[in-house]
C-alpha cells in the first residue's frame, strides 16, 4: 500500500483527527496563516467543511491566530 493510499484510508476513518495532526505538525515547523493551513489541508485531501471545523477548533484553543 502506498503512502497516498494510507493517508486516504486515515482521512476516511477520522478526518478531524488527521486534519488536526496536519495543522499541529505544520505549526511546529513555523507559524502559518489560517489561509496557508487551509490550503495545506485541502492539498492533503481534507474536505473543506472538515478543514474549516479543524481550524475553527484550533483557533478557539489558541493554536491558530492571524492577528
N, C-alpha and C. Protein backbone atom coordinates (compact mmCIF):
# COMPACT_ATOMS: atom_id res chain seq x y z
N UNK A 1 0.85 -1.17 0.00
CA UNK A 1 0.00 0.00 0.00
C UNK A 1 0.90 1.24 0.00
N UNK A 2 0.61 2.20 -0.86
CA UNK A 2 1.43 3.41 -0.97
C UNK A 2 1.12 4.37 0.17
N UNK A 3 2.00 5.35 0.36
CA UNK A 3 1.77 6.38 1.38
C UNK A 3 0.47 7.13 1.12
N UNK A 4 0.19 7.42 -0.15
CA UNK A 4 -1.04 8.14 -0.51
C UNK A 4 -2.27 7.31 -0.13
N UNK A 5 -2.22 6.01 -0.39
CA UNK A 5 -3.34 5.14 -0.03
C UNK A 5 -3.54 5.07 1.48
N UNK A 6 -2.43 5.03 2.22
CA UNK A 6 -2.52 5.02 3.68
C UNK A 6 -3.14 6.31 4.20
N UNK A 7 -2.72 7.45 3.63
CA UNK A 7 -3.28 8.74 4.03
C UNK A 7 -4.77 8.80 3.73
N UNK A 8 -5.16 8.35 2.55
CA UNK A 8 -6.57 8.37 2.17
C UNK A 8 -7.40 7.49 3.12
N UNK A 9 -6.85 6.36 3.52
CA UNK A 9 -7.54 5.47 4.45
C UNK A 9 -7.69 6.14 5.83
N UNK A 10 -6.63 6.81 6.29
CA UNK A 10 -6.70 7.52 7.57
C UNK A 10 -7.72 8.64 7.52
N UNK A 11 -7.70 9.42 6.45
CA UNK A 11 -8.63 10.54 6.31
C UNK A 11 -10.06 10.02 6.32
N UNK A 12 -10.30 8.91 5.66
CA UNK A 12 -11.65 8.34 5.61
C UNK A 12 -12.10 7.88 6.99
N UNK A 13 -11.18 7.37 7.80
CA UNK A 13 -11.57 6.84 9.11
C UNK A 13 -11.80 7.94 10.15
N UNK A 14 -10.98 8.99 10.16
CA UNK A 14 -11.16 10.09 11.13
C UNK A 14 -10.55 11.37 10.56
N UNK A 15 -11.28 12.04 9.68
CA UNK A 15 -10.72 13.22 9.01
C UNK A 15 -10.40 14.37 9.97
N UNK A 16 -11.15 14.52 11.05
CA UNK A 16 -10.88 15.61 12.01
C UNK A 16 -9.54 15.39 12.71
N UNK A 17 -9.27 14.16 13.11
CA UNK A 17 -8.00 13.86 13.78
C UNK A 17 -6.84 14.04 12.82
N UNK A 18 -6.98 13.56 11.61
CA UNK A 18 -5.91 13.71 10.61
C UNK A 18 -5.67 15.19 10.33
N UNK A 19 -6.74 15.95 10.15
CA UNK A 19 -6.60 17.38 9.90
C UNK A 19 -5.91 18.10 11.04
N UNK A 20 -6.28 17.76 12.26
CA UNK A 20 -5.65 18.37 13.44
C UNK A 20 -4.17 18.04 13.49
N UNK A 21 -3.82 16.81 13.22
CA UNK A 21 -2.42 16.40 13.21
C UNK A 21 -1.63 17.14 12.14
N UNK A 22 -2.21 17.28 10.96
CA UNK A 22 -1.54 18.01 9.87
C UNK A 22 -1.25 19.45 10.29
N UNK A 23 -2.25 20.12 10.86
CA UNK A 23 -2.09 21.52 11.26
C UNK A 23 -1.05 21.66 12.38
N UNK A 24 -1.15 20.84 13.40
CA UNK A 24 -0.22 20.96 14.52
C UNK A 24 1.22 20.65 14.09
N UNK A 25 1.38 19.69 13.19
CA UNK A 25 2.71 19.39 12.67
C UNK A 25 3.26 20.57 11.89
N UNK A 26 2.43 21.17 11.04
CA UNK A 26 2.85 22.33 10.24
C UNK A 26 3.22 23.51 11.14
N UNK A 27 2.42 23.74 12.18
CA UNK A 27 2.70 24.86 13.10
C UNK A 27 3.94 24.60 13.94
N UNK A 28 4.31 23.36 14.11
CA UNK A 28 5.54 23.03 14.83
C UNK A 28 6.78 23.41 14.07
N UNK A 29 6.65 23.54 12.76
CA UNK A 29 7.79 23.92 11.92
C UNK A 29 7.96 25.43 11.86
N UNK A 30 6.85 26.14 11.64
CA UNK A 30 6.87 27.61 11.61
C UNK A 30 5.44 28.12 11.67
N UNK A 31 5.29 29.39 12.04
CA UNK A 31 3.96 30.00 12.09
C UNK A 31 3.39 30.08 10.68
N UNK A 32 2.10 29.81 10.55
CA UNK A 32 1.42 29.88 9.26
C UNK A 32 0.08 30.57 9.46
N UNK A 33 -0.37 31.24 8.41
CA UNK A 33 -1.68 31.88 8.47
C UNK A 33 -2.78 30.83 8.34
N UNK A 34 -3.98 31.24 8.70
CA UNK A 34 -5.14 30.36 8.56
C UNK A 34 -5.30 29.94 7.09
N UNK A 35 -5.08 30.89 6.18
CA UNK A 35 -5.18 30.59 4.75
C UNK A 35 -4.17 29.55 4.30
N UNK A 36 -2.94 29.67 4.79
CA UNK A 36 -1.91 28.68 4.45
C UNK A 36 -2.29 27.30 4.98
N UNK A 37 -2.80 27.28 6.19
CA UNK A 37 -3.19 26.00 6.80
C UNK A 37 -4.37 25.38 6.06
N UNK A 38 -5.33 26.22 5.66
CA UNK A 38 -6.48 25.74 4.91
C UNK A 38 -6.02 25.12 3.58
N UNK A 39 -5.13 25.81 2.89
CA UNK A 39 -4.60 25.30 1.62
C UNK A 39 -3.88 23.98 1.83
N UNK A 40 -3.10 23.89 2.88
CA UNK A 40 -2.38 22.65 3.19
C UNK A 40 -3.35 21.50 3.42
N UNK A 41 -4.39 21.75 4.20
CA UNK A 41 -5.38 20.70 4.47
C UNK A 41 -6.05 20.24 3.18
N UNK A 42 -6.42 21.18 2.32
CA UNK A 42 -7.06 20.82 1.05
C UNK A 42 -6.11 19.98 0.19
N UNK A 43 -4.84 20.36 0.14
CA UNK A 43 -3.85 19.60 -0.65
C UNK A 43 -3.68 18.18 -0.12
N UNK A 44 -3.89 18.02 1.18
CA UNK A 44 -3.73 16.69 1.80
C UNK A 44 -5.00 15.87 1.78
N UNK A 45 -6.04 16.39 1.09
CA UNK A 45 -7.26 15.61 0.90
C UNK A 45 -8.33 15.79 1.95
N UNK A 46 -8.21 16.82 2.77
CA UNK A 46 -9.21 17.08 3.80
C UNK A 46 -10.34 17.91 3.18
N UNK A 47 -11.57 17.50 3.38
CA UNK A 47 -12.73 18.21 2.84
C UNK A 47 -12.81 19.62 3.42
N UNK A 48 -13.35 20.54 2.62
CA UNK A 48 -13.44 21.95 3.03
C UNK A 48 -14.18 22.11 4.36
N UNK A 49 -15.29 21.42 4.52
CA UNK A 49 -16.07 21.50 5.76
C UNK A 49 -15.25 21.05 6.97
N UNK A 50 -14.51 19.97 6.81
CA UNK A 50 -13.68 19.45 7.89
C UNK A 50 -12.53 20.41 8.18
N UNK A 51 -11.90 20.93 7.12
CA UNK A 51 -10.79 21.87 7.28
C UNK A 51 -11.23 23.09 8.07
N UNK A 52 -12.39 23.64 7.73
CA UNK A 52 -12.90 24.80 8.46
C UNK A 52 -13.18 24.47 9.92
N UNK A 53 -13.74 23.30 10.17
CA UNK A 53 -14.03 22.89 11.55
C UNK A 53 -12.75 22.71 12.36
N UNK A 54 -11.75 22.09 11.76
CA UNK A 54 -10.46 21.89 12.44
C UNK A 54 -9.83 23.24 12.77
N UNK A 55 -9.80 24.14 11.79
CA UNK A 55 -9.18 25.44 12.01
C UNK A 55 -9.95 26.26 13.04
N UNK A 56 -11.26 26.18 13.02
CA UNK A 56 -12.07 26.90 14.00
C UNK A 56 -11.77 26.40 15.41
N UNK A 57 -11.74 25.08 15.56
CA UNK A 57 -11.48 24.49 16.88
C UNK A 57 -10.08 24.86 17.38
N UNK A 58 -9.08 24.81 16.50
CA UNK A 58 -7.72 25.15 16.91
C UNK A 58 -7.57 26.64 17.17
N UNK A 59 -8.35 27.46 16.48
CA UNK A 59 -8.34 28.90 16.74
C UNK A 59 -8.92 29.17 18.13
N UNK A 60 -10.00 28.49 18.47
CA UNK A 60 -10.59 28.64 19.81
C UNK A 60 -9.61 28.24 20.91
N UNK A 61 -8.74 27.28 20.60
CA UNK A 61 -7.77 26.80 21.58
C UNK A 61 -6.48 27.61 21.57
N UNK A 62 -6.39 28.60 20.66
CA UNK A 62 -5.23 29.48 20.63
C UNK A 62 -4.08 29.02 19.75
N UNK A 63 -4.26 27.96 18.98
CA UNK A 63 -3.19 27.48 18.11
C UNK A 63 -3.13 28.24 16.79
N UNK A 64 -4.25 28.75 16.33
CA UNK A 64 -4.33 29.49 15.07
C UNK A 64 -4.76 30.90 15.42
N UNK A 65 -3.92 31.87 15.05
CA UNK A 65 -4.20 33.26 15.40
C UNK A 65 -3.58 34.15 14.33
N UNK A 66 -4.40 34.70 13.47
CA UNK A 66 -3.91 35.55 12.39
C UNK A 66 -3.75 37.01 12.80
N UNK A 67 -4.05 37.38 14.04
CA UNK A 67 -3.95 38.79 14.41
C UNK A 67 -2.55 39.19 14.79
